[in-house]
Amino acid sequence: MPDESRDYMTIEDDQGNTNDFAIEALFDMGNESYALLSADDKTVVMRVKEEEGNQYLVGIDDPMESQSILEAYQIAVSHTPAE
């Protein structure tokens, strides 16, 4: 059962398969904005791009880049006390 307190979005992959993801976090790192999404046991980091006032998500093709962003986010969260 989905958590009603979270926002969800549906993402279609390159093969046309769709998956529902919970939006776990939106954050900035360097000059980029990112979205942290989760579904079941899968966590995905996507870049948030803005064009003509609209925002959209772009996949990160390099697994090392994605992992580095996720690790940096986890370190930042672990050093920031919850409100």
PDB file of N, CA and C in Angstrom:
ATOM      1  N   MET A   1       0.838  -1.178   0.000  1.00  0.00           N
ATOM      2  CA  MET A   1       0.000   0.000   0.000  1.00  0.00           C
ATOM      3  C   MET A   1       0.886   1.245   0.000  1.00  0.00           C
ATOM      4  N   PRO A   2       0.682   2.167  -0.936  1.00  0.00           N
ATOM      5  CA  PRO A   2       1.501   3.370  -1.009  1.00  0.00           C
ATOM      6  C   PRO A   2       1.326   4.255   0.220  1.00  0.00           C
ATOM      7  N   ASP A   3       2.395   4.930   0.595  1.00  0.00           N
ATOM      8  CA  ASP A   3       2.386   5.876   1.697  1.00  0.00           C
ATOM      9  C   ASP A   3       1.697   7.151   1.210  1.00  0.00           C
ATOM     10  N   GLU A   4       0.564   7.487   1.806  1.00  0.00           N
ATOM     11  CA  GLU A   4      -0.236   8.632   1.368  1.00  0.00           C
ATOM     12  C   GLU A   4       0.471   9.966   1.597  1.00  0.00           C
ATOM     13  N   SER A   5       1.487  10.005   2.478  1.00  0.00           N
ATOM     14  CA  SER A   5       2.171  11.261   2.763  1.00  0.00           C
ATOM     15  C   SER A   5       3.257  11.587   1.737  1.00  0.00           C
ATOM     16  N   ARG A   6       3.512  10.690   0.819  1.00  0.00           N
ATOM     17  CA  ARG A   6       4.552  10.896  -0.193  1.00  0.00           C
ATOM     18  C   ARG A   6       3.924  11.237  -1.546  1.00  0.00           C
ATOM     19  N   ASP A   7       4.706  11.952  -2.346  1.00  0.00           N
ATOM     20  CA  ASP A   7       4.310  12.184  -3.730  1.00  0.00           C
ATOM     21  C   ASP A   7       4.882  11.072  -4.577  1.00  0.00           C
ATOM     22  N   TYR A   8       4.148  10.677  -5.603  1.00  0.00           N
ATOM     23  CA  TYR A   8       4.570   9.608  -6.504  1.00  0.00           C
ATOM     24  C   TYR A   8       4.571  10.107  -7.933  1.00  0.00           C
ATOM     25  N   MET A   9       5.405   9.481  -8.743  1.00  0.00           N
ATOM     26  CA  MET A   9       5.404   9.774 -10.166  1.00  0.00           C
ATOM     27  C   MET A   9       5.651   8.480 -10.928  1.00  0.00           C
ATOM     28  N   THR A  10       5.187   8.444 -12.161  1.00  0.00           N
ATOM     29  CA  THR A  10       5.388   7.282 -13.021  1.00  0.00           C
ATOM     30  C   THR A  10       6.468   7.618 -14.030  1.00  0.00           C
ATOM     31  N   ILE A  11       7.445   6.729 -14.156  1.00  0.00           N
ATOM     32  CA  ILE A  11       8.552   6.924 -15.089  1.00  0.00           C
ATOM     33  C   ILE A  11       8.527   5.793 -16.104  1.00  0.00           C
ATOM     34  N   GLU A  12       8.701   6.158 -17.362  1.00  0.00           N
ATOM     35  CA  GLU A  12       8.763   5.174 -18.448  1.00  0.00           C
ATOM     36  C   GLU A  12      10.216   5.012 -18.866  1.00  0.00           C
ATOM     37  N   ASP A  13      10.695   3.757 -18.921  1.00  0.00           N
ATOM     38  CA  ASP A  13      12.079   3.520 -19.315  1.00  0.00           C
ATOM     39  C   ASP A  13      12.202   3.436 -20.836  1.00  0.00           C
ATOM     40  N   ASP A  14      13.412   3.190 -21.321  1.00  0.00           N
ATOM     41  CA  ASP A  14      13.677   3.153 -22.758  1.00  0.00           C
ATOM     42  C   ASP A  14      12.922   2.043 -23.483  1.00  0.00           C
ATOM     43  N   GLN A  15      12.526   1.006 -22.754  1.00  0.00           N
ATOM     44  CA  GLN A  15      11.796  -0.107 -23.358  1.00  0.00           C
ATOM     45  C   GLN A  15      10.283   0.086 -23.283  1.00  0.00           C
ATOM     46  N   GLY A  16       9.842   1.209 -22.728  1.00  0.00           N
ATOM     47  CA  GLY A  16       8.413   1.486 -22.635  1.00  0.00           C
ATOM     48  C   GLY A  16       7.755   0.951 -21.377  1.00  0.00           C
ATOM     49  N   ASN A  17       8.529   0.364 -20.463  1.00  0.00           N
ATOM     50  CA  ASN A  17       7.987  -0.134 -19.201  1.00  0.00           C
ATOM     51  C   ASN A  17       7.796   1.032 -18.235  1.00  0.00           C
ATOM     52  N   THR A  18       6.700   1.020 -17.492  1.00  0.00           N
ATOM     53  CA  THR A  18       6.455   2.084 -16.529  1.00  0.00           C
ATOM     54  C   THR A  18       6.606   1.560 -15.108  1.00  0.00           C
ATOM     55  N   ASN A  19       7.110   2.425 -14.236  1.00  0.00           N
ATOM     56  CA  ASN A  19       7.275   2.119 -12.818  1.00  0.00           C
ATOM     57  C   ASN A  19       6.846   3.325 -12.012  1.00  0.00           C
ATOM     58  N   ASP A  20       6.173   3.089 -10.889  1.00  0.00           N
ATOM     59  CA  ASP A  20       5.789   4.158  -9.972  1.00  0.00           C
ATOM     60  C   ASP A  20       6.887   4.327  -8.932  1.00  0.00           C
ATOM     61  N   PHE A  21       7.325   5.565  -8.744  1.00  0.00           N
ATOM     62  CA  PHE A  21       8.381   5.885  -7.795  1.00  0.00           C
ATOM     63  C   PHE A  21       7.882   6.897  -6.784  1.00  0.00           C
ATOM     64  N   ALA A  22       8.299   6.721  -5.536  1.00  0.00           N
ATOM     65  CA  ALA A  22       8.056   7.722  -4.499  1.00  0.00           C
ATOM     66  C   ALA A  22       9.158   8.763  -4.609  1.00  0.00           C
ATOM     67  N   ILE A  23       8.800  10.025  -4.471  1.00  0.00           N
ATOM     68  CA  ILE A  23       9.789  11.094  -4.472  1.00  0.00           C
ATOM     69  C   ILE A  23      10.300  11.219  -3.039  1.00  0.00           C
ATOM     70  N   GLU A  24      11.516  10.755  -2.839  1.00  0.00           N
ATOM     71  CA  GLU A  24      12.117  10.757  -1.501  1.00  0.00           C
ATOM     72  C   GLU A  24      12.710  12.108  -1.148  1.00  0.00           C
ATOM     73  N   ALA A  25      13.343  12.759  -2.134  1.00  0.00           N
ATOM     74  CA  ALA A  25      13.991  14.046  -1.859  1.00  0.00           C
ATOM     75  C   ALA A  25      14.260  14.787  -3.156  1.00  0.00           C
ATOM     76  N   LEU A  26      14.287  16.095  -3.041  1.00  0.00           N
ATOM     77  CA  LEU A  26      14.757  16.994  -4.095  1.00  0.00           C
ATOM     78  C   LEU A  26      15.877  17.804  -3.466  1.00  0.00           C
ATOM     79  N   PHE A  27      17.030  17.872  -4.117  1.00  0.00           N
ATOM     80  CA  PHE A  27      18.167  18.569  -3.519  1.00  0.00           C
ATOM     81  C   PHE A  27      19.084  19.125  -4.595  1.00  0.00           C
ATOM     82  N   ASP A  28      19.883  20.121  -4.175  1.00  0.00           N
ATOM     83  CA  ASP A  28      20.873  20.729  -5.049  1.00  0.00           C
ATOM     84  C   ASP A  28      22.254  20.287  -4.621  1.00  0.00           C
ATOM     85  N   MET A  29      23.112  20.077  -5.612  1.00  0.00           N
ATOM     86  CA  MET A  29      24.499  19.734  -5.345  1.00  0.00           C
ATOM     87  C   MET A  29      25.325  20.397  -6.447  1.00  0.00           C
ATOM     88  N   GLY A  30      26.236  21.249  -6.046  1.00  0.00           N
ATOM     89  CA  GLY A  30      26.981  22.003  -7.054  1.00  0.00           C
ATOM     90  C   GLY A  30      26.011  22.906  -7.793  1.00  0.00           C
ATOM     91  N   ASN A  31      26.079  22.904  -9.092  1.00  0.00           N
ATOM     92  CA  ASN A  31      25.196  23.719  -9.919  1.00  0.00           C
ATOM     93  C   ASN A  31      24.025  22.928 -10.478  1.00  0.00           C
ATOM     94  N   GLU A  32      23.773  21.743  -9.951  1.00  0.00           N
ATOM     95  CA  GLU A  32      22.723  20.870 -10.463  1.00  0.00           C
ATOM     96  C   GLU A  32      21.660  20.611  -9.398  1.00  0.00           C
ATOM     97  N   SER A  33      20.458  20.284  -9.859  1.00  0.00           N
ATOM     98  CA  SER A  33      19.371  19.851  -8.974  1.00  0.00           C
ATOM     99  C   SER A  33      19.086  18.390  -9.266  1.00  0.00           C
ATOM    100  N   TYR A  34      18.735  17.636  -8.205  1.00  0.00           N
ATOM    101  CA  TYR A  34      18.516  16.204  -8.344  1.00  0.00           C
ATOM    102  C   TYR A  34      17.234  15.777  -7.634  1.00  0.00           C
ATOM    103  N   ALA A  35      16.698  14.655  -8.084  1.00  0.00           N
ATOM    104  CA  ALA A  35      15.561  14.015  -7.431  1.00  0.00           C
ATOM    105  C   ALA A  35      15.993  12.612  -7.027  1.00  0.00           C
ATOM    106  N   LEU A  36      15.679  12.246  -5.792  1.00  0.00           N
ATOM    107  CA  LEU A  36      15.937  10.896  -5.288  1.00  0.00           C
ATOM    108  C   LEU A  36      14.599  10.180  -5.267  1.00  0.00           C
ATOM    109  N   LEU A  37      14.491   9.105  -6.039  1.00  0.00           N
ATOM    110  CA  LEU A  37      13.239   8.360  -6.196  1.00  0.00           C
ATOM    111  C   LEU A  37      13.430   6.934  -5.724  1.00  0.00           C
ATOM    112  N   SER A  38      12.349   6.325  -5.195  1.00  0.00           N
ATOM    113  CA  SER A  38      12.450   4.926  -4.771  1.00  0.00           C
ATOM    114  C   SER A  38      11.187   4.162  -5.136  1.00  0.00           C
ATOM    115  N   ALA A  39      11.401   2.891  -5.428  1.00  0.00           N
ATOM    116  CA  ALA A  39      10.310   1.960  -5.708  1.00  0.00           C
ATOM    117  C   ALA A  39      10.758   0.583  -5.236  1.00  0.00           C
ATOM    118  N   ASP A  40      10.012   0.023  -4.301  1.00  0.00           N
ATOM    119  CA  ASP A  40      10.367  -1.274  -3.725  1.00  0.00           C
ATOM    120  C   ASP A  40      11.811  -1.243  -3.254  1.00  0.00           C
ATOM    121  N   ASP A  41      12.693  -2.043  -3.858  1.00  0.00           N
ATOM    122  CA  ASP A  41      14.089  -2.096  -3.422  1.00  0.00           C
ATOM    123  C   ASP A  41      15.011  -1.330  -4.367  1.00  0.00           C
ATOM    124  N   LYS A  42      14.449  -0.470  -5.203  1.00  0.00           N
ATOM    125  CA  LYS A  42      15.228   0.263  -6.191  1.00  0.00           C
ATOM    126  C   LYS A  42      15.260   1.753  -5.840  1.00  0.00           C
ATOM    127  N   THR A  43      16.469   2.339  -5.866  1.00  0.00           N
ATOM    128  CA  THR A  43      16.637   3.769  -5.644  1.00  0.00           C
ATOM    129  C   THR A  43      17.274   4.360  -6.888  1.00  0.00           C
ATOM    130  N   VAL A  44      16.722   5.481  -7.352  1.00  0.00           N
ATOM    131  CA  VAL A  44      17.190   6.121  -8.577  1.00  0.00           C
ATOM    132  C   VAL A  44      17.456   7.593  -8.297  1.00  0.00           C
ATOM    133  N   VAL A  45      18.574   8.100  -8.802  1.00  0.00           N
ATOM    134  CA  VAL A  45      18.883   9.520  -8.745  1.00  0.00           C
ATOM    135  C   VAL A  45      18.751  10.053 -10.164  1.00  0.00           C
ATOM    136  N   MET A  46      17.975  11.127 -10.317  1.00  0.00           N
ATOM    137  CA  MET A  46      17.805  11.741 -11.637  1.00  0.00           C
ATOM    138  C   MET A  46      18.105  13.230 -11.530  1.00  0.00           C
ATOM    139  N   ARG A  47      18.604  13.785 -12.619  1.00  0.00           N
ATOM    140  CA  ARG A  47      18.897  15.218 -12.682  1.00  0.00           C
ATOM    141  C   ARG A  47      17.611  15.961 -13.026  1.00  0.00           C
ATOM    142  N   VAL A  48      17.368  17.086 -12.336  1.00  0.00           N
ATOM    143  CA  VAL A  48      16.200  17.929 -12.614  1.00  0.00           C
ATOM    144  C   VAL A  48      16.665  19.052 -13.532  1.00  0.00           C
ATOM    145  N   LYS A  49      16.057  19.154 -14.686  1.00  0.00           N
ATOM    146  CA  LYS A  49      16.388  20.205 -15.654  1.00  0.00           C
ATOM    147  C   LYS A  49      15.203  21.144 -15.791  1.00  0.00           C
ATOM    148  N   GLU A  50      15.496  22.387 -16.105  1.00  0.00           N
ATOM    149  CA  GLU A  50      14.439  23.366 -16.317  1.00  0.00           C
ATOM    150  C   GLU A  50      14.618  23.978 -17.700  1.00  0.00           C
ATOM    151  N   GLU A  51      13.510  24.062 -18.414  1.00  0.00           N
ATOM    152  CA  GLU A  51      13.518  24.646 -19.746  1.00  0.00           C
ATOM    153  C   GLU A  51      12.208  25.379 -19.963  1.00  0.00           C
ATOM    154  N   GLU A  52      12.308  26.657 -20.282  1.00  0.00           N
ATOM    155  CA  GLU A  52      11.133  27.484 -20.550  1.00  0.00           C
ATOM    156  C   GLU A  52      10.118  27.422 -19.404  1.00  0.00           C
ATOM    157  N   GLY A  53      10.628  27.425 -18.163  1.00  0.00           N
ATOM    158  CA  GLY A  53       9.764  27.435 -16.992  1.00  0.00           C
ATOM    159  C   GLY A  53       9.207  26.081 -16.593  1.00  0.00           C
ATOM    160  N   ASN A  54       9.528  25.023 -17.337  1.00  0.00           N
ATOM    161  CA  ASN A  54       9.059  23.667 -17.017  1.00  0.00           C
ATOM    162  C   ASN A  54      10.226  22.838 -16.495  1.00  0.00           C
ATOM    163  N   GLN A  55       9.931  21.984 -15.534  1.00  0.00           N
ATOM    164  CA  GLN A  55      10.945  21.082 -15.012  1.00  0.00           C
ATOM    165  C   GLN A  55      10.691  19.671 -15.527  1.00  0.00           C
ATOM    166  N   TYR A  56      11.782  18.951 -15.776  1.00  0.00           N
ATOM    167  CA  TYR A  56      11.674  17.556 -16.182  1.00  0.00           C
ATOM    168  C   TYR A  56      12.890  16.791 -15.662  1.00  0.00           C
ATOM    169  N   LEU A  57      12.768  15.485 -15.605  1.00  0.00           N
ATOM    170  CA  LEU A  57      13.840  14.635 -15.084  1.00  0.00           C
ATOM    171  C   LEU A  57      14.635  14.023 -16.223  1.00  0.00           C
ATOM    172  N   VAL A  58      15.948  13.936 -15.996  1.00  0.00           N
ATOM    173  CA  VAL A  58      16.854  13.338 -16.960  1.00  0.00           C
ATOM    174  C   VAL A  58      17.645  12.252 -16.244  1.00  0.00           C
ATOM    175  N   GLY A  59      17.702  11.089 -16.843  1.00  0.00           N
ATOM    176  CA  GLY A  59      18.464   9.994 -16.255  1.00  0.00           C
ATOM    177  C   GLY A  59      19.953  10.296 -16.258  1.00  0.00           C
ATOM    178  N   ILE A  60      20.667   9.705 -15.331  1.00  0.00           N
ATOM    179  CA  ILE A  60      22.126   9.822 -15.259  1.00  0.00           C
ATOM    180  C   ILE A  60      22.690   8.508 -15.776  1.00  0.00           C
ATOM    181  N   ASP A  61      23.365   8.571 -16.924  1.00  0.00           N
ATOM    182  CA  ASP A  61      23.840   7.360 -17.591  1.00  0.00           C
ATOM    183  C   ASP A  61      25.046   6.715 -16.926  1.00  0.00           C
ATOM    184  N   ASP A  62      25.865   7.517 -16.268  1.00  0.00           N
ATOM    185  CA  ASP A  62      27.086   7.010 -15.657  1.00  0.00           C
ATOM    186  C   ASP A  62      26.779   6.484 -14.251  1.00  0.00           C
ATOM    187  N   PRO A  63      26.860   5.165 -14.041  1.00  0.00           N
ATOM    188  CA  PRO A  63      26.560   4.599 -12.719  1.00  0.00           C
ATOM    189  C   PRO A  63      27.479   5.141 -11.618  1.00  0.00           C
ATOM    190  N   MET A  64      28.714   5.453 -11.950  1.00  0.00           N
ATOM    191  CA  MET A  64      29.651   5.997 -10.950  1.00  0.00           C
ATOM    192  C   MET A  64      29.194   7.395 -10.518  1.00  0.00           C
ATOM    193  N   GLU A  65      28.744   8.210 -11.462  1.00  0.00           N
ATOM    194  CA  GLU A  65      28.254   9.547 -11.133  1.00  0.00           C
ATOM    195  C   GLU A  65      27.013   9.443 -10.243  1.00  0.00           C
ATOM    196  N   SER A  66      26.100   8.581 -10.619  1.00  0.00           N
ATOM    197  CA  SER A  66      24.871   8.393  -9.845  1.00  0.00           C
ATOM    198  C   SER A  66      25.195   7.933  -8.425  1.00  0.00           C
ATOM    199  N   GLN A  67      26.097   6.982  -8.290  1.00  0.00           N
ATOM    200  CA  GLN A  67      26.484   6.461  -6.978  1.00  0.00           C
ATOM    201  C   GLN A  67      27.161   7.543  -6.136  1.00  0.00           C
ATOM    202  N   SER A  68      28.014   8.344  -6.761  1.00  0.00           N
ATOM    203  CA  SER A  68      28.697   9.426  -6.043  1.00  0.00           C
ATOM    204  C   SER A  68      27.698  10.450  -5.513  1.00  0.00           C
ATOM    205  N   ILE A  69      26.705  10.798  -6.323  1.00  0.00           N
ATOM    206  CA  ILE A  69      25.681  11.758  -5.904  1.00  0.00           C
ATOM    207  C   ILE A  69      24.878  11.186  -4.748  1.00  0.00           C
ATOM    208  N   LEU A  70      24.498   9.917  -4.850  1.00  0.00           N
ATOM    209  CA  LEU A  70      23.728   9.268  -3.789  1.00  0.00           C
ATOM    210  C   LEU A  70      24.532   9.212  -2.492  1.00  0.00           C
ATOM    211  N   GLU A  71      25.808   8.867  -2.576  1.00  0.00           N
ATOM    212  CA  GLU A  71      26.652   8.800  -1.375  1.00  0.00           C
ATOM    213  C   GLU A  71      26.816  10.177  -0.739  1.00  0.00           C
ATOM    214  N   ALA A  72      27.017  11.213  -1.552  1.00  0.00           N
ATOM    215  CA  ALA A  72      27.153  12.567  -1.020  1.00  0.00           C
ATOM    216  C   ALA A  72      25.861  13.005  -0.341  1.00  0.00           C
ATOM    217  N   TYR A  73      24.722  12.656  -0.924  1.00  0.00           N
ATOM    218  CA  TYR A  73      23.428  12.986  -0.319  1.00  0.00           C
ATOM    219  C   TYR A  73      23.284  12.289   1.034  1.00  0.00           C
ATOM    220  N   GLN A  74      23.626  11.007   1.088  1.00  0.00           N
ATOM    221  CA  GLN A  74      23.509  10.250   2.334  1.00  0.00           C
ATOM    222  C   GLN A  74      24.423  10.825   3.419  1.00  0.00           C
ATOM    223  N   ILE A  75      25.616  11.260   3.061  1.00  0.00           N
ATOM    224  CA  ILE A  75      26.516  11.868   4.034  1.00  0.00           C
ATOM    225  C   ILE A  75      25.927  13.177   4.552  1.00  0.00           C
ATOM    226  N   ALA A  76      25.397  13.992   3.641  1.00  0.00           N
ATOM    227  CA  ALA A  76      24.795  15.272   4.049  1.00  0.00           C
ATOM    228  C   ALA A  76      23.625  15.049   4.993  1.00  0.00           C
ATOM    229  N   VAL A  77      22.778  14.079   4.688  1.00  0.00           N
ATOM    230  CA  VAL A  77      21.609  13.799   5.531  1.00  0.00           C
ATOM    231  C   VAL A  77      22.048  13.269   6.901  1.00  0.00           C
ATOM    232  N   SER A  78      23.052  12.430   6.918  1.00  0.00           N
ATOM    233  CA  SER A  78      23.495  11.861   8.202  1.00  0.00           C
ATOM    234  C   SER A  78      24.128  12.917   9.106  1.00  0.00           C
ATOM    235  N   HIS A  79      24.594  14.024   8.543  1.00  0.00           N
ATOM    236  CA  HIS A  79      25.211  15.090   9.333  1.00  0.00           C
ATOM    237  C   HIS A  79      24.258  16.254   9.601  1.00  0.00           C
ATOM    238  N   THR A  80      23.023  16.122   9.167  1.00  0.00           N
ATOM    239  CA  THR A  80      22.024  17.158   9.386  1.00  0.00           C
ATOM    240  C   THR A  80      20.940  16.590  10.298  1.00  0.00           C
ATOM    241  N   PRO A  81      20.770  17.149  11.489  1.00  0.00           N
ATOM    242  CA  PRO A  81      19.748  16.609  12.400  1.00  0.00           C
ATOM    243  C   PRO A  81      18.343  16.794  11.835  1.00  0.00           C
ATOM    244  N   ALA A  82      17.500  15.817  12.068  1.00  0.00           N
ATOM    245  CA  ALA A  82      16.100  15.901  11.634  1.00  0.00           C
ATOM    246  C   ALA A  82      15.367  16.934  12.468  1.00  0.00           C
ATOM    247  N   GLU A  83      14.409  17.585  11.852  1.00  0.00           N
ATOM    248  CA  GLU A  83      13.627  18.605  12.572  1.00  0.00           C
ATOM    249  C   GLU A  83      12.522  17.973  13.365  1.00  0.00           C
TER     250      GLU A  83
END
